[in-house]
Amino acid sequence: GNSLTVTDGIVSGVETDNNGVHYYKTSAKIDHGNSGGIAIEDSGCVIGIPTFVQQGELESIGRILDLKYIFDNLK
């Protein structure tokens, strides 16, 4: 639909996967409906794109694709 959603979370770290892709780790809940949206910090700056969730036994950790990484690799 035409609704907007806001999900609150904390960025707990940064990681690089085996392919050199940079992600922020977050406690924000990332569902199918909000992956591909934008992630912003408190000041309103866009930091990346919510991409996927790593499911664990006790917790789930969301991954936000780093905006700088995206811009650096657009060619």
C-alpha atoms as a PDB file:
ATOM      1  CA  GLY A   1       0.000   0.000   0.000  1.00  0.00           C
ATOM      2  CA  ASN A   2       0.884   3.628   0.397  1.00  0.00           C
ATOM      3  CA  SER A   3       1.818   3.478   4.077  1.00  0.00           C
ATOM      4  CA  LEU A   4       5.157   4.442   5.580  1.00  0.00           C
ATOM      5  CA  THR A   5       6.690   2.620   8.513  1.00  0.00           C
ATOM      6  CA  VAL A   6       9.439   3.561  10.935  1.00  0.00           C
ATOM      7  CA  THR A   7      11.449   0.936  12.786  1.00  0.00           C
ATOM      8  CA  ASP A   8      13.745   1.917  15.633  1.00  0.00           C
ATOM      9  CA  GLY A   9      17.041   0.167  16.267  1.00  0.00           C
ATOM     10  CA  ILE A  10      20.652   0.493  17.319  1.00  0.00           C
ATOM     11  CA  VAL A  11      23.679   0.070  15.055  1.00  0.00           C
ATOM     12  CA  SER A  12      25.973  -2.259  16.987  1.00  0.00           C
ATOM     13  CA  GLY A  13      28.854  -2.607  14.571  1.00  0.00           C
ATOM     14  CA  VAL A  14      30.175  -2.707  11.044  1.00  0.00           C
ATOM     15  CA  GLU A  15      31.291  -5.788   9.163  1.00  0.00           C
ATOM     16  CA  THR A  16      32.664  -6.740   5.767  1.00  0.00           C
ATOM     17  CA  ASP A  17      31.603 -10.036   4.198  1.00  0.00           C
ATOM     18  CA  ASN A  18      33.812 -12.417   2.190  1.00  0.00           C
ATOM     19  CA  ASN A  19      33.049 -10.455  -1.002  1.00  0.00           C
ATOM     20  CA  GLY A  20      34.182  -7.132   0.491  1.00  0.00           C
ATOM     21  CA  VAL A  21      30.635  -5.811   0.968  1.00  0.00           C
ATOM     22  CA  HIS A  22      30.243  -3.443   3.957  1.00  0.00           C
ATOM     23  CA  TYR A  23      27.228  -3.761   6.270  1.00  0.00           C
ATOM     24  CA  TYR A  24      26.056  -2.134   9.483  1.00  0.00           C
ATOM     25  CA  LYS A  25      24.742  -4.587  12.084  1.00  0.00           C
ATOM     26  CA  THR A  26      21.494  -3.378  13.660  1.00  0.00           C
ATOM     27  CA  SER A  27      18.878  -4.383  16.192  1.00  0.00           C
ATOM     28  CA  ALA A  28      16.182  -2.807  13.987  1.00  0.00           C
ATOM     29  CA  LYS A  29      13.626  -5.347  12.809  1.00  0.00           C
ATOM     30  CA  ILE A  30      13.994  -5.833   9.050  1.00  0.00           C
ATOM     31  CA  ASP A  31      11.045  -7.514   7.336  1.00  0.00           C
ATOM     32  CA  HIS A  32      10.292  -8.243   3.678  1.00  0.00           C
ATOM     33  CA  GLY A  33       8.341  -4.989   3.485  1.00  0.00           C
ATOM     34  CA  ASN A  34      11.154  -2.711   4.617  1.00  0.00           C
ATOM     35  CA  SER A  35      14.210  -4.276   3.023  1.00  0.00           C
ATOM     36  CA  GLY A  36      15.208  -2.025   0.157  1.00  0.00           C
ATOM     37  CA  GLY A  37      14.002   1.101   1.965  1.00  0.00           C
ATOM     38  CA  ILE A  38      16.392   3.522   3.631  1.00  0.00           C
ATOM     39  CA  ALA A  39      18.095   3.566   7.015  1.00  0.00           C
ATOM     40  CA  ILE A  40      18.696   6.961   8.581  1.00  0.00           C
ATOM     41  CA  GLU A  41      20.594   8.097  11.657  1.00  0.00           C
ATOM     42  CA  ASP A  42      19.209  10.416  14.340  1.00  0.00           C
ATOM     43  CA  SER A  43      20.347  13.527  12.447  1.00  0.00           C
ATOM     44  CA  GLY A  44      18.348  12.457   9.374  1.00  0.00           C
ATOM     45  CA  CYS A  45      21.300  11.405   7.185  1.00  0.00           C
ATOM     46  CA  VAL A  46      20.818   8.259   5.098  1.00  0.00           C
ATOM     47  CA  ILE A  47      23.371   5.601   6.096  1.00  0.00           C
ATOM     48  CA  GLY A  48      22.295   2.694   3.909  1.00  0.00           C
ATOM     49  CA  ILE A  49      19.689   0.239   2.701  1.00  0.00           C
ATOM     50  CA  PRO A  50      18.192  -2.447   4.978  1.00  0.00           C
ATOM     51  CA  THR A  51      19.057  -5.663   3.179  1.00  0.00           C
ATOM     52  CA  PHE A  52      18.632  -8.865   5.195  1.00  0.00           C
ATOM     53  CA  VAL A  53      18.422 -10.438   8.654  1.00  0.00           C
ATOM     54  CA  GLN A  54      20.677 -13.092  10.138  1.00  0.00           C
ATOM     55  CA  GLN A  55      18.495 -15.316  12.343  1.00  0.00           C
ATOM     56  CA  GLY A  56      20.107 -16.609  15.521  1.00  0.00           C
ATOM     57  CA  GLU A  57      18.853 -18.853  18.302  1.00  0.00           C
ATOM     58  CA  LEU A  58      18.458 -15.976  20.753  1.00  0.00           C
ATOM     59  CA  GLU A  59      18.339 -12.918  18.534  1.00  0.00           C
ATOM     60  CA  SER A  60      18.126 -11.676  14.968  1.00  0.00           C
ATOM     61  CA  ILE A  61      20.639  -9.166  13.629  1.00  0.00           C
ATOM     62  CA  GLY A  62      19.658  -6.965  10.705  1.00  0.00           C
ATOM     63  CA  ARG A  63      22.121  -5.900   8.047  1.00  0.00           C
ATOM     64  CA  ILE A  64      22.139  -2.465   6.418  1.00  0.00           C
ATOM     65  CA  LEU A  65      24.135  -2.138   3.209  1.00  0.00           C
ATOM     66  CA  ASP A  66      26.499   0.834   3.679  1.00  0.00           C
ATOM     67  CA  LEU A  67      25.538   3.809   1.470  1.00  0.00           C
ATOM     68  CA  LYS A  68      29.183   4.787   0.870  1.00  0.00           C
ATOM     69  CA  TYR A  69      29.892   1.239  -0.329  1.00  0.00           C
ATOM     70  CA  ILE A  70      26.921   1.485  -2.712  1.00  0.00           C
ATOM     71  CA  PHE A  71      28.086   4.801  -4.206  1.00  0.00           C
ATOM     72  CA  ASP A  72      31.714   3.645  -4.452  1.00  0.00           C
ATOM     73  CA  ASN A  73      30.615   0.585  -6.459  1.00  0.00           C
ATOM     74  CA  LEU A  74      28.087   2.154  -8.854  1.00  0.00           C
ATOM     75  CA  LYS A  75      29.810   2.002 -12.215  1.00  0.00           C
END
